[in-house]
């Protein structure tokens, strides 16, 4: 399987996860929002940890997806998703602030 296609599929699933977080967290009360935000970032880590285990499982069963030495492409994708997660969080905070002051 092409590693770029696999990375695109991983990123699209992350975007769907982020969209659900965005839609669901705009109208939450503030304490619940912060808990859900922490769960969101822990969910990103868990998602990529699951992908890492899946990658090793597939490799052990002779299905190879080359993410580079030490899975560098997967690590860079995780960092990019964390950056996108912070941007989504800032957009949500801005929208919540606008709704509160409207």
PDB file of N, CA and C in Angstrom:
ATOM      1  N   UNK A   1       0.853  -1.183   0.000  1.00  0.00           N
ATOM      2  CA  UNK A   1       0.000   0.000   0.000  1.00  0.00           C
ATOM      3  C   UNK A   1       0.893   1.238   0.000  1.00  0.00           C
ATOM      4  N   UNK A   2       0.499   2.216  -0.731  1.00  0.00           N
ATOM      5  CA  UNK A   2       1.252   3.454  -0.807  1.00  0.00           C
ATOM      6  C   UNK A   2       1.165   4.196   0.529  1.00  0.00           C
ATOM      7  N   UNK A   3       2.325   4.611   1.036  1.00  0.00           N
ATOM      8  CA  UNK A   3       2.350   5.281   2.338  1.00  0.00           C
ATOM      9  C   UNK A   3       1.662   6.641   2.307  1.00  0.00           C
ATOM     10  N   UNK A   4       1.649   7.296   1.170  1.00  0.00           N
ATOM     11  CA  UNK A   4       0.978   8.594   1.085  1.00  0.00           C
ATOM     12  C   UNK A   4      -0.544   8.439   1.082  1.00  0.00           C
ATOM     13  N   UNK A   5      -1.017   7.387   0.454  1.00  0.00           N
ATOM     14  CA  UNK A   5      -2.448   7.091   0.503  1.00  0.00           C
ATOM     15  C   UNK A   5      -2.863   6.728   1.923  1.00  0.00           C
ATOM     16  N   UNK A   6      -2.055   5.932   2.604  1.00  0.00           N
ATOM     17  CA  UNK A   6      -2.348   5.573   3.992  1.00  0.00           C
ATOM     18  C   UNK A   6      -2.336   6.824   4.880  1.00  0.00           C
ATOM     19  N   UNK A   7      -1.386   7.717   4.659  1.00  0.00           N
ATOM     20  CA  UNK A   7      -1.322   8.958   5.441  1.00  0.00           C
ATOM     21  C   UNK A   7      -2.537   9.836   5.174  1.00  0.00           C
ATOM     22  N   UNK A   8      -2.980   9.891   3.924  1.00  0.00           N
ATOM     23  CA  UNK A   8      -4.166  10.688   3.598  1.00  0.00           C
ATOM     24  C   UNK A   8      -5.410  10.117   4.277  1.00  0.00           C
ATOM     25  N   UNK A   9      -5.538   8.802   4.285  1.00  0.00           N
ATOM     26  CA  UNK A   9      -6.688   8.174   4.946  1.00  0.00           C
ATOM     27  C   UNK A   9      -6.649   8.440   6.444  1.00  0.00           C
ATOM     28  N   UNK A  10      -5.474   8.336   7.045  1.00  0.00           N
ATOM     29  CA  UNK A  10      -5.313   8.623   8.476  1.00  0.00           C
ATOM     30  C   UNK A  10      -5.690  10.062   8.779  1.00  0.00           C
ATOM     31  N   UNK A  11      -5.267  10.990   7.921  1.00  0.00           N
ATOM     32  CA  UNK A  11      -5.554  12.401   8.146  1.00  0.00           C
ATOM     33  C   UNK A  11      -7.043  12.715   7.966  1.00  0.00           C
ATOM     34  N   UNK A  12      -7.695  12.093   6.995  1.00  0.00           N
ATOM     35  CA  UNK A  12      -9.126  12.320   6.783  1.00  0.00           C
ATOM     36  C   UNK A  12      -9.922  11.815   7.983  1.00  0.00           C
ATOM     37  N   UNK A  13      -9.544  10.675   8.532  1.00  0.00           N
ATOM     38  CA  UNK A  13     -10.222  10.177   9.732  1.00  0.00           C
ATOM     39  C   UNK A  13     -10.005  11.138  10.894  1.00  0.00           C
ATOM     40  N   UNK A  14      -8.791  11.684  11.017  1.00  0.00           N
ATOM     41  CA  UNK A  14      -8.530  12.684  12.054  1.00  0.00           C
ATOM     42  C   UNK A  14      -9.405  13.921  11.847  1.00  0.00           C
ATOM     43  N   UNK A  15      -9.550  14.365  10.604  1.00  0.00           N
ATOM     44  CA  UNK A  15     -10.381  15.540  10.334  1.00  0.00           C
ATOM     45  C   UNK A  15     -11.843  15.288  10.700  1.00  0.00           C
ATOM     46  N   UNK A  16     -12.340  14.104  10.448  1.00  0.00           N
ATOM     47  CA  UNK A  16     -13.713  13.766  10.848  1.00  0.00           C
ATOM     48  C   UNK A  16     -13.849  13.784  12.373  1.00  0.00           C
ATOM     49  N   UNK A  17     -12.863  13.245  13.065  1.00  0.00           N
ATOM     50  CA  UNK A  17     -12.828  13.268  14.526  1.00  0.00           C
ATOM     51  C   UNK A  17     -12.804  14.712  15.039  1.00  0.00           C
ATOM     52  N   UNK A  18     -12.016  15.571  14.392  1.00  0.00           N
ATOM     53  CA  UNK A  18     -11.921  16.973  14.795  1.00  0.00           C
ATOM     54  C   UNK A  18     -13.218  17.724  14.517  1.00  0.00           C
ATOM     55  N   UNK A  19     -13.884  17.387  13.418  1.00  0.00           N
ATOM     56  CA  UNK A  19     -15.139  18.046  13.094  1.00  0.00           C
ATOM     57  C   UNK A  19     -16.214  17.716  14.130  1.00  0.00           C
ATOM     58  N   UNK A  20     -16.258  16.466  14.548  1.00  0.00           N
ATOM     59  CA  UNK A  20     -17.203  16.069  15.592  1.00  0.00           C
ATOM     60  C   UNK A  20     -16.894  16.804  16.890  1.00  0.00           C
ATOM     61  N   UNK A  21     -15.614  16.936  17.219  1.00  0.00           N
ATOM     62  CA  UNK A  21     -15.209  17.688  18.409  1.00  0.00           C
ATOM     63  C   UNK A  21     -15.627  19.151  18.280  1.00  0.00           C
ATOM     64  N   UNK A  22     -15.416  19.738  17.108  1.00  0.00           N
ATOM     65  CA  UNK A  22     -15.760  21.142  16.877  1.00  0.00           C
ATOM     66  C   UNK A  22     -17.257  21.378  17.044  1.00  0.00           C
ATOM     67  N   UNK A  23     -18.065  20.559  16.395  1.00  0.00           N
ATOM     68  CA  UNK A  23     -19.515  20.725  16.454  1.00  0.00           C
ATOM     69  C   UNK A  23     -20.034  20.509  17.874  1.00  0.00           C
ATOM     70  N   UNK A  24     -19.511  19.500  18.547  1.00  0.00           N
ATOM     71  CA  UNK A  24     -20.015  19.164  19.862  1.00  0.00           C
ATOM     72  C   UNK A  24     -19.593  20.093  20.978  1.00  0.00           C
ATOM     73  N   UNK A  25     -18.482  20.801  20.810  1.00  0.00           N
ATOM     74  CA  UNK A  25     -17.945  21.552  21.939  1.00  0.00           C
ATOM     75  C   UNK A  25     -18.257  23.040  21.920  1.00  0.00           C
ATOM     76  N   UNK A  26     -18.942  23.528  20.932  1.00  0.00           N
ATOM     77  CA  UNK A  26     -19.213  24.964  20.877  1.00  0.00           C
ATOM     78  C   UNK A  26     -20.199  25.383  21.961  1.00  0.00           C
ATOM     79  N   UNK A  27     -21.200  24.594  22.234  1.00  0.00           N
ATOM     80  CA  UNK A  27     -22.245  24.980  23.192  1.00  0.00           C
ATOM     81  C   UNK A  27     -22.108  24.314  24.565  1.00  0.00           C
ATOM     82  N   UNK A  28     -20.994  23.648  24.815  1.00  0.00           N
ATOM     83  CA  UNK A  28     -20.800  23.021  26.122  1.00  0.00           C
ATOM     84  C   UNK A  28     -20.512  24.078  27.188  1.00  0.00           C
ATOM     85  N   UNK A  29     -20.826  23.753  28.431  1.00  0.00           N
ATOM     86  CA  UNK A  29     -20.466  24.638  29.528  1.00  0.00           C
ATOM     87  C   UNK A  29     -18.954  24.601  29.700  1.00  0.00           C
ATOM     88  N   UNK A  30     -18.396  25.659  30.268  1.00  0.00           N
ATOM     89  CA  UNK A  30     -16.948  25.828  30.321  1.00  0.00           C
ATOM     90  C   UNK A  30     -16.206  24.685  31.017  1.00  0.00           C
ATOM     91  N   UNK A  31     -16.603  24.231  32.221  1.00  0.00           N
ATOM     92  CA  UNK A  31     -15.834  23.135  32.831  1.00  0.00           C
ATOM     93  C   UNK A  31     -15.877  21.842  32.013  1.00  0.00           C
ATOM     94  N   UNK A  32     -17.025  21.555  31.431  1.00  0.00           N
ATOM     95  CA  UNK A  32     -17.141  20.349  30.611  1.00  0.00           C
ATOM     96  C   UNK A  32     -16.323  20.499  29.337  1.00  0.00           C
ATOM     97  N   UNK A  33     -16.256  21.714  28.793  1.00  0.00           N
ATOM     98  CA  UNK A  33     -15.477  21.969  27.591  1.00  0.00           C
ATOM     99  C   UNK A  33     -13.998  21.674  27.818  1.00  0.00           C
ATOM    100  N   UNK A  34     -13.467  22.084  28.964  1.00  0.00           N
ATOM    101  CA  UNK A  34     -12.051  21.836  29.227  1.00  0.00           C
ATOM    102  C   UNK A  34     -11.768  20.342  29.388  1.00  0.00           C
ATOM    103  N   UNK A  35     -12.678  19.614  30.000  1.00  0.00           N
ATOM    104  CA  UNK A  35     -12.513  18.159  30.131  1.00  0.00           C
ATOM    105  C   UNK A  35     -12.578  17.505  28.753  1.00  0.00           C
ATOM    106  N   UNK A  36     -13.526  17.927  27.935  1.00  0.00           N
ATOM    107  CA  UNK A  36     -13.654  17.370  26.583  1.00  0.00           C
ATOM    108  C   UNK A  36     -12.429  17.733  25.742  1.00  0.00           C
ATOM    109  N   UNK A  37     -11.882  18.931  25.941  1.00  0.00           N
ATOM    110  CA  UNK A  37     -10.662  19.321  25.239  1.00  0.00           C
ATOM    111  C   UNK A  37      -9.477  18.438  25.603  1.00  0.00           C
ATOM    112  N   UNK A  38      -9.342  18.121  26.876  1.00  0.00           N
ATOM    113  CA  UNK A  38      -8.275  17.214  27.297  1.00  0.00           C
ATOM    114  C   UNK A  38      -8.481  15.817  26.726  1.00  0.00           C
ATOM    115  N   UNK A  39      -9.718  15.368  26.704  1.00  0.00           N
ATOM    116  CA  UNK A  39     -10.029  14.063  26.119  1.00  0.00           C
ATOM    117  C   UNK A  39      -9.708  14.073  24.623  1.00  0.00           C
ATOM    118  N   UNK A  40      -9.956  15.203  23.959  1.00  0.00           N
ATOM    119  CA  UNK A  40      -9.656  15.342  22.524  1.00  0.00           C
ATOM    120  C   UNK A  40      -8.170  15.140  22.264  1.00  0.00           C
ATOM    121  N   UNK A  41      -7.321  15.810  23.037  1.00  0.00           N
ATOM    122  CA  UNK A  41      -5.882  15.683  22.812  1.00  0.00           C
ATOM    123  C   UNK A  41      -5.365  14.310  23.242  1.00  0.00           C
ATOM    124  N   UNK A  42      -5.938  13.727  24.270  1.00  0.00           N
ATOM    125  CA  UNK A  42      -5.577  12.365  24.631  1.00  0.00           C
ATOM    126  C   UNK A  42      -6.058  11.394  23.551  1.00  0.00           C
ATOM    127  N   UNK A  43      -7.189  11.702  22.938  1.00  0.00           N
ATOM    128  CA  UNK A  43      -7.706  10.876  21.848  1.00  0.00           C
ATOM    129  C   UNK A  43      -6.797  10.896  20.630  1.00  0.00           C
ATOM    130  N   UNK A  44      -6.173  12.041  20.352  1.00  0.00           N
ATOM    131  CA  UNK A  44      -5.220  12.117  19.238  1.00  0.00           C
ATOM    132  C   UNK A  44      -4.042  11.182  19.509  1.00  0.00           C
ATOM    133  N   UNK A  45      -3.533  11.241  20.736  1.00  0.00           N
ATOM    134  CA  UNK A  45      -2.413  10.367  21.094  1.00  0.00           C
ATOM    135  C   UNK A  45      -2.822   8.894  20.991  1.00  0.00           C
ATOM    136  N   UNK A  46      -3.988   8.578  21.513  1.00  0.00           N
ATOM    137  CA  UNK A  46      -4.464   7.188  21.487  1.00  0.00           C
ATOM    138  C   UNK A  46      -4.682   6.703  20.056  1.00  0.00           C
ATOM    139  N   UNK A  47      -5.189   7.577  19.201  1.00  0.00           N
ATOM    140  CA  UNK A  47      -5.414   7.245  17.790  1.00  0.00           C
ATOM    141  C   UNK A  47      -4.101   6.871  17.114  1.00  0.00           C
ATOM    142  N   UNK A  48      -3.065   7.667  17.332  1.00  0.00           N
ATOM    143  CA  UNK A  48      -1.786   7.375  16.683  1.00  0.00           C
ATOM    144  C   UNK A  48      -1.073   6.196  17.342  1.00  0.00           C
ATOM    145  N   UNK A  49      -1.297   5.981  18.617  1.00  0.00           N
ATOM    146  CA  UNK A  49      -0.743   4.787  19.251  1.00  0.00           C
ATOM    147  C   UNK A  49      -1.411   3.527  18.683  1.00  0.00           C
ATOM    148  N   UNK A  50      -2.716   3.595  18.479  1.00  0.00           N
ATOM    149  CA  UNK A  50      -3.432   2.487  17.844  1.00  0.00           C
ATOM    150  C   UNK A  50      -2.915   2.250  16.423  1.00  0.00           C
ATOM    151  N   UNK A  51      -2.676   3.318  15.684  1.00  0.00           N
ATOM    152  CA  UNK A  51      -2.143   3.178  14.325  1.00  0.00           C
ATOM    153  C   UNK A  51      -0.752   2.563  14.337  1.00  0.00           C
ATOM    154  N   UNK A  52       0.052   2.936  15.317  1.00  0.00           N
ATOM    155  CA  UNK A  52       1.390   2.370  15.424  1.00  0.00           C
ATOM    156  C   UNK A  52       1.322   0.871  15.698  1.00  0.00           C
ATOM    157  N   UNK A  53       0.444   0.463  16.606  1.00  0.00           N
ATOM    158  CA  UNK A  53       0.291  -0.961  16.882  1.00  0.00           C
ATOM    159  C   UNK A  53      -0.264  -1.696  15.658  1.00  0.00           C
ATOM    160  N   UNK A  54      -1.206  -1.076  14.960  1.00  0.00           N
ATOM    161  CA  UNK A  54      -1.747  -1.678  13.744  1.00  0.00           C
ATOM    162  C   UNK A  54      -0.664  -1.831  12.680  1.00  0.00           C
ATOM    163  N   UNK A  55       0.191  -0.838  12.552  1.00  0.00           N
ATOM    164  CA  UNK A  55       1.283  -0.891  11.586  1.00  0.00           C
ATOM    165  C   UNK A  55       2.226  -2.052  11.898  1.00  0.00           C
ATOM    166  N   UNK A  56       2.569  -2.228  13.160  1.00  0.00           N
ATOM    167  CA  UNK A  56       3.451  -3.333  13.534  1.00  0.00           C
ATOM    168  C   UNK A  56       2.764  -4.683  13.359  1.00  0.00           C
ATOM    169  N   UNK A  57       1.477  -4.751  13.641  1.00  0.00           N
ATOM    170  CA  UNK A  57       0.724  -5.988  13.432  1.00  0.00           C
ATOM    171  C   UNK A  57       0.696  -6.357  11.945  1.00  0.00           C
ATOM    172  N   UNK A  58       0.422  -5.376  11.102  1.00  0.00           N
ATOM    173  CA  UNK A  58       0.391  -5.640   9.658  1.00  0.00           C
ATOM    174  C   UNK A  58       1.769  -6.025   9.144  1.00  0.00           C
ATOM    175  N   UNK A  59       2.800  -5.393   9.667  1.00  0.00           N
ATOM    176  CA  UNK A  59       4.155  -5.720   9.239  1.00  0.00           C
ATOM    177  C   UNK A  59       4.514  -7.152   9.630  1.00  0.00           C
ATOM    178  N   UNK A  60       4.068  -7.590  10.816  1.00  0.00           N
ATOM    179  CA  UNK A  60       4.332  -8.967  11.241  1.00  0.00           C
ATOM    180  C   UNK A  60       3.601  -9.984  10.375  1.00  0.00           C
ATOM    181  N   UNK A  61       2.507  -9.553   9.737  1.00  0.00           N
ATOM    182  CA  UNK A  61       1.750 -10.437   8.849  1.00  0.00           C
ATOM    183  C   UNK A  61       2.048 -10.165   7.371  1.00  0.00           C
ATOM    184  N   UNK A  62       3.225  -9.591   7.128  1.00  0.00           N
ATOM    185  CA  UNK A  62       3.758  -9.385   5.776  1.00  0.00           C
ATOM    186  C   UNK A  62       2.941  -8.427   4.915  1.00  0.00           C
ATOM    187  N   UNK A  63       2.295  -7.449   5.549  1.00  0.00           N
ATOM    188  CA  UNK A  63       1.639  -6.369   4.823  1.00  0.00           C
ATOM    189  C   UNK A  63       2.416  -5.108   5.171  1.00  0.00           C
ATOM    190  N   UNK A  64       3.149  -4.587   4.195  1.00  0.00           N
ATOM    191  CA  UNK A  64       4.093  -3.520   4.477  1.00  0.00           C
ATOM    192  C   UNK A  64       3.561  -2.164   4.046  1.00  0.00           C
ATOM    193  N   UNK A  65       3.612  -1.217   4.957  1.00  0.00           N
ATOM    194  CA  UNK A  65       3.357   0.189   4.684  1.00  0.00           C
ATOM    195  C   UNK A  65       4.604   0.910   5.170  1.00  0.00           C
ATOM    196  N   UNK A  66       5.382   1.442   4.269  1.00  0.00           N
ATOM    197  CA  UNK A  66       6.651   2.060   4.640  1.00  0.00           C
ATOM    198  C   UNK A  66       6.439   3.505   5.077  1.00  0.00           C
ATOM    199  N   UNK A  67       6.531   3.740   6.369  1.00  0.00           N
ATOM    200  CA  UNK A  67       6.466   5.100   6.896  1.00  0.00           C
ATOM    201  C   UNK A  67       7.852   5.669   7.152  1.00  0.00           C
ATOM    202  N   UNK A  68       8.868   5.017   6.648  1.00  0.00           N
ATOM    203  CA  UNK A  68      10.232   5.494   6.805  1.00  0.00           C
ATOM    204  C   UNK A  68      10.884   4.908   8.044  1.00  0.00           C
ATOM    205  N   UNK A  69      12.142   5.269   8.209  1.00  0.00           N
ATOM    206  CA  UNK A  69      12.906   4.784   9.351  1.00  0.00           C
ATOM    207  C   UNK A  69      12.269   5.278  10.641  1.00  0.00           C
ATOM    208  N   UNK A  70      12.022   4.369  11.559  1.00  0.00           N
ATOM    209  CA  UNK A  70      11.391   4.663  12.863  1.00  0.00           C
ATOM    210  C   UNK A  70      10.015   5.305  12.674  1.00  0.00           C
ATOM    211  N   UNK A  71       9.340   4.943  11.602  1.00  0.00           N
ATOM    212  CA  UNK A  71       7.990   5.452  11.305  1.00  0.00           C
ATOM    213  C   UNK A  71       7.938   6.978  11.312  1.00  0.00           C
ATOM    214  N   UNK A  72       8.918   7.594  10.687  1.00  0.00           N
ATOM    215  CA  UNK A  72       9.046   9.050  10.708  1.00  0.00           C
ATOM    216  C   UNK A  72       7.842   9.744  10.089  1.00  0.00           C
ATOM    217  N   UNK A  73       7.302   9.199   9.004  1.00  0.00           N
ATOM    218  CA  UNK A  73       6.135   9.820   8.370  1.00  0.00           C
ATOM    219  C   UNK A  73       4.931   9.801   9.309  1.00  0.00           C
ATOM    220  N   UNK A  74       4.749   8.721  10.037  1.00  0.00           N
ATOM    221  CA  UNK A  74       3.647   8.624  10.990  1.00  0.00           C
ATOM    222  C   UNK A  74       3.840   9.601  12.153  1.00  0.00           C
ATOM    223  N   UNK A  75       5.073   9.764  12.612  1.00  0.00           N
ATOM    224  CA  UNK A  75       5.361  10.714  13.692  1.00  0.00           C
ATOM    225  C   UNK A  75       5.120  12.143  13.222  1.00  0.00           C
ATOM    226  N   UNK A  76       5.556  12.460  12.015  1.00  0.00           N
ATOM    227  CA  UNK A  76       5.343  13.807  11.488  1.00  0.00           C
ATOM    228  C   UNK A  76       3.857  14.081  11.284  1.00  0.00           C
ATOM    229  N   UNK A  77       3.114  13.079  10.855  1.00  0.00           N
ATOM    230  CA  UNK A  77       1.670  13.232  10.698  1.00  0.00           C
ATOM    231  C   UNK A  77       1.004  13.473  12.055  1.00  0.00           C
ATOM    232  N   UNK A  78       1.482  12.793  13.093  1.00  0.00           N
ATOM    233  CA  UNK A  78       0.939  13.005  14.429  1.00  0.00           C
ATOM    234  C   UNK A  78       1.204  14.438  14.893  1.00  0.00           C
ATOM    235  N   UNK A  79       2.410  14.931  14.680  1.00  0.00           N
ATOM    236  CA  UNK A  79       2.728  16.310  15.062  1.00  0.00           C
ATOM    237  C   UNK A  79       1.886  17.309  14.279  1.00  0.00           C
ATOM    238  N   UNK A  80       1.667  17.035  12.998  1.00  0.00           N
ATOM    239  CA  UNK A  80       0.824  17.895  12.179  1.00  0.00           C
ATOM    240  C   UNK A  80      -0.623  17.883  12.683  1.00  0.00           C
ATOM    241  N   UNK A  81      -1.098  16.720  13.093  1.00  0.00           N
ATOM    242  CA  UNK A  81      -2.459  16.618  13.638  1.00  0.00           C
ATOM    243  C   UNK A  81      -2.569  17.348  14.969  1.00  0.00           C
ATOM    244  N   UNK A  82      -1.533  17.284  15.800  1.00  0.00           N
ATOM    245  CA  UNK A  82      -1.544  18.058  17.045  1.00  0.00           C
ATOM    246  C   UNK A  82      -1.588  19.557  16.749  1.00  0.00           C
ATOM    247  N   UNK A  83      -0.826  19.998  15.757  1.00  0.00           N
ATOM    248  CA  UNK A  83      -0.864  21.409  15.361  1.00  0.00           C
ATOM    249  C   UNK A  83      -2.257  21.786  14.889  1.00  0.00           C
ATOM    250  N   UNK A  84      -2.872  20.942  14.078  1.00  0.00           N
ATOM    251  CA  UNK A  84      -4.249  21.187  13.637  1.00  0.00           C
ATOM    252  C   UNK A  84      -5.210  21.171  14.807  1.00  0.00           C
ATOM    253  N   UNK A  85      -4.977  20.305  15.777  1.00  0.00           N
ATOM    254  CA  UNK A  85      -5.813  20.253  16.965  1.00  0.00           C
ATOM    255  C   UNK A  85      -5.756  21.546  17.761  1.00  0.00           C
ATOM    256  N   UNK A  86      -4.569  22.114  17.894  1.00  0.00           N
ATOM    257  CA  UNK A  86      -4.446  23.398  18.587  1.00  0.00           C
ATOM    258  C   UNK A  86      -5.145  24.513  17.817  1.00  0.00           C
ATOM    259  N   UNK A  87      -5.064  24.476  16.503  1.00  0.00           N
ATOM    260  CA  UNK A  87      -5.754  25.481  15.690  1.00  0.00           C
ATOM    261  C   UNK A  87      -7.264  25.331  15.848  1.00  0.00           C
ATOM    262  N   UNK A  88      -7.767  24.102  15.821  1.00  0.00           N
ATOM    263  CA  UNK A  88      -9.202  23.857  16.018  1.00  0.00           C
ATOM    264  C   UNK A  88      -9.628  24.359  17.396  1.00  0.00           C
ATOM    265  N   UNK A  89      -8.809  24.103  18.404  1.00  0.00           N
ATOM    266  CA  UNK A  89      -9.126  24.569  19.754  1.00  0.00           C
ATOM    267  C   UNK A  89      -9.186  26.091  19.813  1.00  0.00           C
ATOM    268  N   UNK A  90      -8.279  26.779  19.150  1.00  0.00           N
ATOM    269  CA  UNK A  90      -8.294  28.248  19.135  1.00  0.00           C
ATOM    270  C   UNK A  90      -9.529  28.778  18.405  1.00  0.00           C
ATOM    271  N   UNK A  91      -9.917  28.122  17.321  1.00  0.00           N
ATOM    272  CA  UNK A  91     -11.119  28.524  16.587  1.00  0.00           C
ATOM    273  C   UNK A  91     -12.356  28.334  17.462  1.00  0.00           C
ATOM    274  N   UNK A  92     -12.408  27.233  18.191  1.00  0.00           N
ATOM    275  CA  UNK A  92     -13.542  26.986  19.089  1.00  0.00           C
ATOM    276  C   UNK A  92     -13.585  28.022  20.198  1.00  0.00           C
ATOM    277  N   UNK A  93     -12.433  28.321  20.795  1.00  0.00           N
ATOM    278  CA  UNK A  93     -12.395  29.337  21.861  1.00  0.00           C
ATOM    279  C   UNK A  93     -12.840  30.698  21.331  1.00  0.00           C
ATOM    280  N   UNK A  94     -12.415  31.046  20.124  1.00  0.00           N
ATOM    281  CA  UNK A  94     -12.823  32.311  19.518  1.00  0.00           C
ATOM    282  C   UNK A  94     -14.329  32.332  19.272  1.00  0.00           C
ATOM    283  N   UNK A  95     -14.869  31.261  18.751  1.00  0.00           N
ATOM    284  CA  UNK A  95     -16.308  31.195  18.484  1.00  0.00           C
ATOM    285  C   UNK A  95     -17.109  31.225  19.783  1.00  0.00           C
ATOM    286  N   UNK A  96     -16.631  30.517  20.827  1.00  0.00           N
ATOM    287  CA  UNK A  96     -17.308  30.548  22.113  1.00  0.00           C
ATOM    288  C   UNK A  96     -17.293  31.958  22.706  1.00  0.00           C
ATOM    289  N   UNK A  97     -16.176  32.649  22.538  1.00  0.00           N
ATOM    290  CA  UNK A  97     -16.049  34.016  23.054  1.00  0.00           C
ATOM    291  C   UNK A  97     -17.021  34.950  22.333  1.00  0.00           C
ATOM    292  N   UNK A  98     -17.137  34.785  21.002  1.00  0.00           N
ATOM    293  CA  UNK A  98     -18.069  35.608  20.227  1.00  0.00           C
ATOM    294  C   UNK A  98     -19.507  35.330  20.618  1.00  0.00           C
ATOM    295  N   UNK A  99     -19.848  34.049  20.853  1.00  0.00           N
ATOM    296  CA  UNK A  99     -21.222  33.712  21.245  1.00  0.00           C
ATOM    297  C   UNK A  99     -21.511  34.280  22.634  1.00  0.00           C
ATOM    298  N   UNK A 100     -20.557  34.204  23.525  1.00  0.00           N
ATOM    299  CA  UNK A 100     -20.754  34.690  24.894  1.00  0.00           C
ATOM    300  C   UNK A 100     -20.940  36.218  24.919  1.00  0.00           C
ATOM    301  N   UNK A 101     -20.212  36.923  24.081  1.00  0.00           N
ATOM    302  CA  UNK A 101     -20.274  38.391  24.081  1.00  0.00           C
ATOM    303  C   UNK A 101     -21.330  38.946  23.132  1.00  0.00           C
ATOM    304  N   UNK A 102     -22.043  38.101  22.449  1.00  0.00           N
ATOM    305  CA  UNK A 102     -23.069  38.576  21.502  1.00  0.00           C
ATOM    306  C   UNK A 102     -24.372  38.877  22.205  1.00  0.00           C
TER     307      UNK A 102
END
